Amino acid sequence: MDPQTVTELEAAAFRRLRDHLMRERSDVQNIDLMILAGFCRNCLADWYREAAVERGIELGKDDAREAVYGMPFGEWKAKYQKDATPEQLAAFEAARNAHA
């Protein structure tokens, strides 16, 4: 497979993941993603911003988050994010310690 095709497939997979989290699974909390997968929507936004910077494109944290969340982060947070439960916080800490 040529490099351009690989890049296009990777980009399509990223868009599909982003859209899935944005539209179909807005109920999945970032803390649950962190516990189970070790990354969340904010991580995706950070990686997106880092990729832009590597290419000489200035992209702010808020703009990168909006690209991943599909709306300003504050709006998404108010609409979908719930406070973490004590159980989630304990699971997050245990997962973080297990992978440290």
N, C-alpha and C. Protein backbone atom coordinates (compact mmCIF):
# COMPACT_ATOMS: atom_id res chain seq x y z
N MET A 1 0.85 -1.17 0.00
CA MET A 1 0.00 0.00 0.00
C MET A 1 0.90 1.24 0.00
N ASP A 2 0.54 2.21 -0.80
CA ASP A 2 1.38 3.41 -0.88
C ASP A 2 1.13 4.30 0.35
N PRO A 3 2.12 5.14 0.70
CA PRO A 3 2.01 5.98 1.91
C PRO A 3 0.79 6.90 1.91
N GLN A 4 0.41 7.45 0.79
CA GLN A 4 -0.76 8.34 0.73
C GLN A 4 -2.03 7.58 1.09
N THR A 5 -2.17 6.37 0.59
CA THR A 5 -3.35 5.56 0.90
C THR A 5 -3.38 5.21 2.39
N VAL A 6 -2.22 4.86 2.94
CA VAL A 6 -2.14 4.57 4.37
C VAL A 6 -2.59 5.78 5.18
N THR A 7 -2.10 6.96 4.81
CA THR A 7 -2.49 8.20 5.51
C THR A 7 -3.99 8.44 5.41
N GLU A 8 -4.55 8.22 4.23
CA GLU A 8 -5.99 8.43 4.04
C GLU A 8 -6.81 7.44 4.86
N LEU A 9 -6.38 6.19 4.92
CA LEU A 9 -7.09 5.20 5.73
C LEU A 9 -7.00 5.53 7.22
N GLU A 10 -5.82 5.93 7.66
CA GLU A 10 -5.65 6.32 9.07
C GLU A 10 -6.52 7.52 9.41
N ALA A 11 -6.57 8.50 8.52
CA ALA A 11 -7.39 9.69 8.74
C ALA A 11 -8.87 9.32 8.80
N ALA A 12 -9.29 8.42 7.92
CA ALA A 12 -10.69 7.98 7.91
C ALA A 12 -11.04 7.25 9.21
N ALA A 13 -10.11 6.41 9.68
CA ALA A 13 -10.35 5.70 10.94
C ALA A 13 -10.45 6.67 12.11
N PHE A 14 -9.57 7.69 12.13
CA PHE A 14 -9.64 8.70 13.19
C PHE A 14 -10.99 9.42 13.14
N ARG A 15 -11.41 9.83 11.95
CA ARG A 15 -12.69 10.54 11.83
C ARG A 15 -13.84 9.66 12.31
N ARG A 16 -13.77 8.38 11.99
CA ARG A 16 -14.83 7.46 12.42
C ARG A 16 -14.86 7.33 13.95
N LEU A 17 -13.69 7.21 14.57
CA LEU A 17 -13.62 7.15 16.03
C LEU A 17 -14.15 8.44 16.64
N ARG A 18 -13.70 9.57 16.11
CA ARG A 18 -14.15 10.87 16.61
C ARG A 18 -15.66 11.00 16.49
N ASP A 19 -16.20 10.67 15.32
CA ASP A 19 -17.64 10.80 15.10
C ASP A 19 -18.43 9.83 15.99
N HIS A 20 -17.89 8.65 16.18
CA HIS A 20 -18.55 7.67 17.05
C HIS A 20 -18.66 8.20 18.48
N LEU A 21 -17.56 8.74 18.99
CA LEU A 21 -17.58 9.29 20.36
C LEU A 21 -18.43 10.55 20.43
N MET A 22 -18.45 11.32 19.36
CA MET A 22 -19.17 12.59 19.33
C MET A 22 -20.68 12.38 19.22
N ARG A 23 -21.08 11.50 18.33
CA ARG A 23 -22.50 11.39 17.99
C ARG A 23 -23.20 10.18 18.59
N GLU A 24 -22.52 9.04 18.57
CA GLU A 24 -23.19 7.82 18.98
C GLU A 24 -22.94 7.44 20.43
N ARG A 25 -21.83 7.91 21.01
CA ARG A 25 -21.51 7.51 22.38
C ARG A 25 -21.14 8.70 23.25
N SER A 26 -21.91 9.78 23.13
CA SER A 26 -21.69 10.93 24.01
C SER A 26 -21.96 10.55 25.46
N ASP A 27 -22.63 9.41 25.69
CA ASP A 27 -22.90 8.94 27.04
C ASP A 27 -21.66 8.37 27.72
N VAL A 28 -20.66 8.00 26.94
CA VAL A 28 -19.44 7.43 27.52
C VAL A 28 -18.60 8.56 28.10
N GLN A 29 -18.35 8.46 29.38
CA GLN A 29 -17.61 9.51 30.08
C GLN A 29 -16.11 9.37 29.82
N ASN A 30 -15.43 10.51 29.79
CA ASN A 30 -13.98 10.50 29.59
C ASN A 30 -13.26 9.66 30.64
N ILE A 31 -13.72 9.72 31.87
CA ILE A 31 -13.04 8.95 32.92
C ILE A 31 -13.15 7.45 32.64
N ASP A 32 -14.28 7.02 32.08
CA ASP A 32 -14.42 5.60 31.74
C ASP A 32 -13.48 5.21 30.61
N LEU A 33 -13.32 6.10 29.62
CA LEU A 33 -12.34 5.85 28.56
C LEU A 33 -10.94 5.74 29.15
N MET A 34 -10.62 6.63 30.07
CA MET A 34 -9.28 6.61 30.69
C MET A 34 -9.06 5.32 31.47
N ILE A 35 -10.08 4.87 32.19
CA ILE A 35 -9.95 3.65 32.98
C ILE A 35 -9.73 2.45 32.05
N LEU A 36 -10.53 2.35 31.02
CA LEU A 36 -10.50 1.17 30.16
C LEU A 36 -9.44 1.20 29.07
N ALA A 37 -9.20 2.40 28.50
CA ALA A 37 -8.33 2.47 27.32
C ALA A 37 -7.06 3.29 27.55
N GLY A 38 -7.03 4.05 28.62
CA GLY A 38 -5.84 4.85 28.89
C GLY A 38 -5.78 6.14 28.09
N PHE A 39 -6.86 6.50 27.44
CA PHE A 39 -6.95 7.78 26.73
C PHE A 39 -8.41 8.22 26.71
N CYS A 40 -8.63 9.50 26.41
CA CYS A 40 -9.98 10.03 26.35
C CYS A 40 -10.07 11.04 25.21
N ARG A 41 -11.18 11.71 25.13
CA ARG A 41 -11.37 12.72 24.09
C ARG A 41 -10.33 13.83 24.20
N ASN A 42 -9.99 14.22 25.42
CA ASN A 42 -8.98 15.26 25.60
C ASN A 42 -7.63 14.81 25.07
N CYS A 43 -7.30 13.53 25.26
CA CYS A 43 -6.05 12.99 24.71
C CYS A 43 -6.07 13.08 23.19
N LEU A 44 -7.20 12.70 22.58
CA LEU A 44 -7.31 12.80 21.12
C LEU A 44 -7.10 14.24 20.66
N ALA A 45 -7.68 15.19 21.39
CA ALA A 45 -7.51 16.60 21.04
C ALA A 45 -6.05 17.02 21.19
N ASP A 46 -5.39 16.55 22.23
CA ASP A 46 -3.97 16.88 22.42
C ASP A 46 -3.13 16.30 21.29
N TRP A 47 -3.41 15.07 20.89
CA TRP A 47 -2.66 14.44 19.81
C TRP A 47 -2.91 15.17 18.49
N TYR A 48 -4.13 15.60 18.29
CA TYR A 48 -4.50 16.36 17.08
C TYR A 48 -3.72 17.67 17.04
N ARG A 49 -3.69 18.36 18.17
CA ARG A 49 -2.96 19.63 18.27
C ARG A 49 -1.47 19.41 18.07
N GLU A 50 -0.91 18.37 18.67
CA GLU A 50 0.51 18.07 18.51
C GLU A 50 0.85 17.78 17.05
N ALA A 51 -0.04 17.07 16.35
CA ALA A 51 0.19 16.77 14.93
C ALA A 51 0.20 18.07 14.12
N ALA A 52 -0.67 19.00 14.47
CA ALA A 52 -0.69 20.29 13.78
C ALA A 52 0.61 21.04 14.03
N VAL A 53 1.04 21.10 15.27
CA VAL A 53 2.27 21.81 15.63
C VAL A 53 3.47 21.21 14.91
N GLU A 54 3.51 19.87 14.82
CA GLU A 54 4.62 19.21 14.11
C GLU A 54 4.68 19.63 12.65
N ARG A 55 3.55 20.07 12.11
CA ARG A 55 3.49 20.49 10.72
C ARG A 55 3.54 22.00 10.58
N GLY A 56 3.87 22.68 11.67
CA GLY A 56 4.00 24.13 11.64
C GLY A 56 2.68 24.87 11.65
N ILE A 57 1.61 24.19 12.07
CA ILE A 57 0.28 24.81 12.12
C ILE A 57 -0.01 25.17 13.57
N GLU A 58 -0.29 26.42 13.81
CA GLU A 58 -0.62 26.85 15.18
C GLU A 58 -2.09 26.53 15.44
N LEU A 59 -2.32 25.71 16.44
CA LEU A 59 -3.68 25.30 16.79
C LEU A 59 -3.78 25.32 18.31
N GLY A 60 -4.71 26.08 18.81
CA GLY A 60 -4.89 26.19 20.25
C GLY A 60 -5.61 24.99 20.83
N LYS A 61 -5.47 24.84 22.13
CA LYS A 61 -6.09 23.74 22.87
C LYS A 61 -7.61 23.74 22.67
N ASP A 62 -8.24 24.91 22.76
CA ASP A 62 -9.69 24.99 22.61
C ASP A 62 -10.14 24.60 21.21
N ASP A 63 -9.39 25.03 20.20
CA ASP A 63 -9.73 24.68 18.82
C ASP A 63 -9.58 23.18 18.58
N ALA A 64 -8.54 22.59 19.14
CA ALA A 64 -8.33 21.15 18.99
C ALA A 64 -9.45 20.38 19.69
N ARG A 65 -9.84 20.83 20.86
CA ARG A 65 -10.93 20.15 21.56
C ARG A 65 -12.24 20.27 20.79
N GLU A 66 -12.48 21.43 20.21
CA GLU A 66 -13.71 21.60 19.44
C GLU A 66 -13.71 20.66 18.22
N ALA A 67 -12.54 20.44 17.62
CA ALA A 67 -12.44 19.52 16.49
C ALA A 67 -12.79 18.09 16.91
N VAL A 68 -12.49 17.72 18.14
CA VAL A 68 -12.76 16.36 18.63
C VAL A 68 -14.16 16.25 19.22
N TYR A 69 -14.60 17.26 19.95
CA TYR A 69 -15.90 17.21 20.61
C TYR A 69 -17.05 17.61 19.69
N GLY A 70 -16.75 18.33 18.61
CA GLY A 70 -17.80 18.78 17.71
C GLY A 70 -18.53 20.02 18.20
N MET A 71 -18.05 20.59 19.26
CA MET A 71 -18.61 21.81 19.85
C MET A 71 -17.59 22.31 20.86
N PRO A 72 -17.74 23.55 21.33
CA PRO A 72 -16.82 24.02 22.37
C PRO A 72 -16.85 23.07 23.57
N PHE A 73 -15.68 22.84 24.16
CA PHE A 73 -15.56 21.88 25.26
C PHE A 73 -16.51 22.22 26.41
N GLY A 74 -16.62 23.48 26.77
CA GLY A 74 -17.50 23.87 27.87
C GLY A 74 -18.95 23.48 27.60
N GLU A 75 -19.37 23.63 26.36
CA GLU A 75 -20.73 23.25 25.98
C GLU A 75 -20.92 21.73 26.09
N TRP A 76 -19.95 20.97 25.58
CA TRP A 76 -20.04 19.51 25.66
C TRP A 76 -20.07 19.07 27.12
N LYS A 77 -19.19 19.68 27.91
CA LYS A 77 -19.09 19.32 29.33
C LYS A 77 -20.42 19.57 30.04
N ALA A 78 -21.04 20.72 29.78
CA ALA A 78 -22.31 21.05 30.42
C ALA A 78 -23.43 20.11 29.96
N LYS A 79 -23.36 19.69 28.71
CA LYS A 79 -24.40 18.87 28.13
C LYS A 79 -24.28 17.39 28.50
N TYR A 80 -23.04 16.87 28.54
CA TYR A 80 -22.85 15.43 28.65
C TYR A 80 -22.04 14.94 29.84
N GLN A 81 -21.13 15.75 30.35
CA GLN A 81 -20.23 15.23 31.39
C GLN A 81 -20.89 15.22 32.74
N LYS A 82 -20.74 14.10 33.41
CA LYS A 82 -21.26 13.95 34.77
C LYS A 82 -20.09 13.96 35.73
N ASP A 83 -20.37 14.27 36.99
CA ASP A 83 -19.32 14.19 38.01
C ASP A 83 -18.90 12.73 38.16
N ALA A 84 -17.62 12.52 38.32
CA ALA A 84 -17.10 11.17 38.52
C ALA A 84 -17.57 10.64 39.87
N THR A 85 -17.94 9.39 39.87
CA THR A 85 -18.36 8.74 41.12
C THR A 85 -17.12 8.33 41.91
N PRO A 86 -17.27 8.07 43.19
CA PRO A 86 -16.13 7.56 43.96
C PRO A 86 -15.57 6.26 43.37
N GLU A 87 -16.45 5.42 42.84
CA GLU A 87 -16.01 4.17 42.22
C GLU A 87 -15.18 4.44 40.96
N GLN A 88 -15.60 5.39 40.15
CA GLN A 88 -14.84 5.74 38.95
C GLN A 88 -13.48 6.31 39.32
N LEU A 89 -13.45 7.17 40.31
CA LEU A 89 -12.17 7.76 40.74
C LEU A 89 -11.22 6.69 41.26
N ALA A 90 -11.75 5.74 42.02
CA ALA A 90 -10.91 4.65 42.54
C ALA A 90 -10.41 3.77 41.39
N ALA A 91 -11.27 3.46 40.43
CA ALA A 91 -10.87 2.64 39.28
C ALA A 91 -9.84 3.38 38.43
N PHE A 92 -10.01 4.68 38.29
CA PHE A 92 -9.05 5.49 37.53
C PHE A 92 -7.68 5.45 38.20
N GLU A 93 -7.67 5.63 39.50
CA GLU A 93 -6.40 5.61 40.25
C GLU A 93 -5.75 4.23 40.16
N ALA A 94 -6.53 3.17 40.27
CA ALA A 94 -5.99 1.82 40.18
C ALA A 94 -5.43 1.55 38.78
N ALA A 95 -6.13 1.99 37.76
CA ALA A 95 -5.65 1.81 36.38
C ALA A 95 -4.38 2.60 36.14
N ARG A 96 -4.35 3.81 36.66
CA ARG A 96 -3.16 4.66 36.50
C ARG A 96 -1.96 4.04 37.19
N ASN A 97 -2.16 3.51 38.39
CA ASN A 97 -1.07 2.87 39.12
C ASN A 97 -0.61 1.58 38.44
N ALA A 98 -1.54 0.86 37.85
CA ALA A 98 -1.19 -0.40 37.18
C ALA A 98 -0.36 -0.17 35.93
N HIS A 99 -0.51 0.99 35.32
CA HIS A 99 0.19 1.28 34.07
C HIS A 99 1.29 2.33 34.23
N ALA A 100 1.61 2.63 35.46
CA ALA A 100 2.66 3.65 35.71
C ALA A 100 4.04 3.10 35.54
